[in-house]
Amino acid sequence: MAKLQSLDPQTPMFAQFKEKTGPIVLANTFVVPKERTEAFLALFGRQAEFMKSRPGFVSLQMHRGTADSRLLMNVAVWESTEALAAAFGSPEFQRMAAEFPDDIVSYPHIFEQIDA
């Protein structure tokens, strides 16, 4: 399973699940070894199809770092933290998450949009 790391150690994603709010954006940055990129994207695609079928899902985009970066970033919009937490905690998603190799590191964090 990929290693989950907190982007903000004072506010890990699982603590963010406790706040009832929405809509929310999940930004998840992955550090992926170059030789695993294609396999990672295939597995992520399976996860994405599952998440798209869950209640409260709005949209999803995957981004790749430039200049030969090892970073990939998923940006997903959900109606609420409750909807994301339910999808993330489902046995089906957890089985797929367990398939990621241990040398992949994930930095998930939940955000709310603010007006600039």
Protein backbone atom coordinates (compact mmCIF):
# COMPACT_ATOMS: atom_id res chain seq x y z
CA MET A 1 0.00 0.00 0.00
CA ALA A 2 1.22 3.53 -0.73
CA LYS A 3 2.54 5.45 2.25
CA LEU A 4 0.15 8.22 3.31
CA GLN A 5 1.92 11.36 4.51
CA SER A 6 0.31 14.54 5.80
CA LEU A 7 0.89 17.65 3.75
CA ASP A 8 0.00 19.58 6.90
CA PRO A 9 1.10 17.47 9.91
CA GLN A 10 -1.16 19.51 12.22
CA THR A 11 -4.21 18.62 10.12
CA PRO A 12 -3.99 15.14 8.58
CA MET A 13 -6.65 14.08 6.08
CA PHE A 14 -8.34 11.69 8.51
CA ALA A 15 -8.82 14.58 10.97
CA GLN A 16 -10.28 16.61 8.10
CA PHE A 17 -12.93 13.91 7.55
CA LYS A 18 -14.43 14.90 10.92
CA GLU A 19 -15.32 18.40 9.71
CA LYS A 20 -18.73 18.34 8.03
CA THR A 21 -18.36 20.69 5.11
CA GLY A 22 -18.70 20.90 1.37
CA PRO A 23 -18.21 21.20 -1.45
CA ILE A 24 -14.58 20.17 -1.02
CA VAL A 25 -11.52 19.54 -3.16
CA LEU A 26 -9.19 16.64 -2.47
CA ALA A 27 -5.69 17.41 -3.77
CA ASN A 28 -3.52 14.32 -3.60
CA THR A 29 0.10 14.54 -4.71
CA PHE A 30 1.87 11.25 -5.38
CA VAL A 31 5.61 10.63 -5.59
CA VAL A 32 5.94 7.75 -8.06
CA PRO A 33 9.16 6.07 -9.18
CA LYS A 34 9.60 6.59 -12.93
CA GLU A 35 9.50 2.86 -13.66
CA ARG A 36 6.11 2.56 -11.93
CA THR A 37 4.32 5.49 -13.58
CA GLU A 38 2.36 3.55 -16.19
CA ALA A 39 1.32 0.81 -13.75
CA PHE A 40 0.36 3.48 -11.20
CA LEU A 41 -1.81 5.30 -13.75
CA ALA A 42 -3.56 2.06 -14.73
CA LEU A 43 -4.40 1.25 -11.11
CA PHE A 44 -5.38 4.86 -10.43
CA GLY A 45 -7.73 4.68 -13.43
CA ARG A 46 -9.53 1.72 -11.84
CA GLN A 47 -9.83 3.66 -8.58
CA ALA A 48 -11.10 6.71 -10.43
CA GLU A 49 -13.85 4.71 -12.13
CA PHE A 50 -14.94 3.39 -8.75
CA MET A 51 -14.93 6.85 -7.16
CA LYS A 52 -16.92 8.32 -10.06
CA SER A 53 -19.72 5.87 -9.22
CA ARG A 54 -19.94 6.93 -5.57
CA PRO A 55 -22.59 9.33 -4.22
CA GLY A 56 -21.32 12.87 -3.87
CA PHE A 57 -18.58 12.63 -6.51
CA VAL A 58 -18.39 15.73 -8.76
CA SER A 59 -15.20 15.65 -10.85
CA LEU A 60 -11.62 14.45 -11.08
CA GLN A 61 -8.46 15.43 -12.94
CA MET A 62 -4.97 13.89 -12.87
CA HIS A 63 -1.93 16.07 -13.52
CA ARG A 64 1.71 15.18 -14.21
CA GLY A 65 4.66 17.29 -13.08
CA THR A 66 6.70 18.88 -15.84
CA ALA A 67 10.42 18.62 -16.63
CA ASP A 68 10.65 14.88 -15.98
CA SER A 69 9.14 15.19 -12.49
CA ARG A 70 8.16 12.08 -10.51
CA LEU A 71 5.05 13.85 -9.18
CA LEU A 72 1.46 13.17 -10.16
CA MET A 73 -1.43 15.11 -8.64
CA ASN A 74 -5.08 14.15 -8.47
CA VAL A 75 -7.61 16.96 -7.94
CA ALA A 76 -11.09 15.68 -7.12
CA VAL A 77 -14.21 17.66 -6.22
CA TRP A 78 -16.76 16.14 -3.85
CA GLU A 79 -20.09 17.43 -2.54
CA SER A 80 -18.96 16.94 1.08
CA THR A 81 -16.36 15.49 3.40
CA GLU A 82 -18.93 12.85 4.40
CA ALA A 83 -19.24 11.64 0.79
CA LEU A 84 -15.47 11.46 0.33
CA ALA A 85 -14.95 9.70 3.66
CA ALA A 86 -17.62 7.11 2.82
CA ALA A 87 -16.04 6.38 -0.57
CA PHE A 88 -12.51 6.30 0.86
CA GLY A 89 -13.54 3.98 3.70
CA SER A 90 -15.43 1.50 1.53
CA PRO A 91 -14.00 -2.03 1.42
CA GLU A 92 -13.79 -1.92 -2.39
CA PHE A 93 -11.65 1.23 -2.37
CA GLN A 94 -9.46 -0.09 0.44
CA ARG A 95 -8.79 -3.30 -1.54
CA MET A 96 -7.67 -1.24 -4.54
CA ALA A 97 -5.57 1.09 -2.37
CA ALA A 98 -3.75 -1.93 -0.93
CA GLU A 99 -2.53 -2.80 -4.46
CA PHE A 100 -0.27 0.28 -4.68
CA PRO A 101 3.41 -0.56 -4.07
CA ASP A 102 5.01 0.56 -0.81
CA ASP A 103 7.48 2.83 -2.61
CA ILE A 104 4.73 5.26 -3.67
CA VAL A 105 4.10 8.16 -1.29
CA SER A 106 0.76 9.98 -1.20
CA TYR A 107 0.17 13.48 0.24
CA PRO A 108 -3.63 13.97 0.41
CA HIS A 109 -5.27 17.11 1.76
CA ILE A 110 -8.82 18.48 1.69
CA PHE A 111 -9.51 22.08 0.72
CA GLU A 112 -12.49 24.41 0.46
CA GLN A 113 -12.73 26.99 -2.30
CA ILE A 114 -12.43 30.59 -1.21
CA ASP A 115 -13.22 33.70 -3.20
CA ALA A 116 -10.14 35.64 -4.19
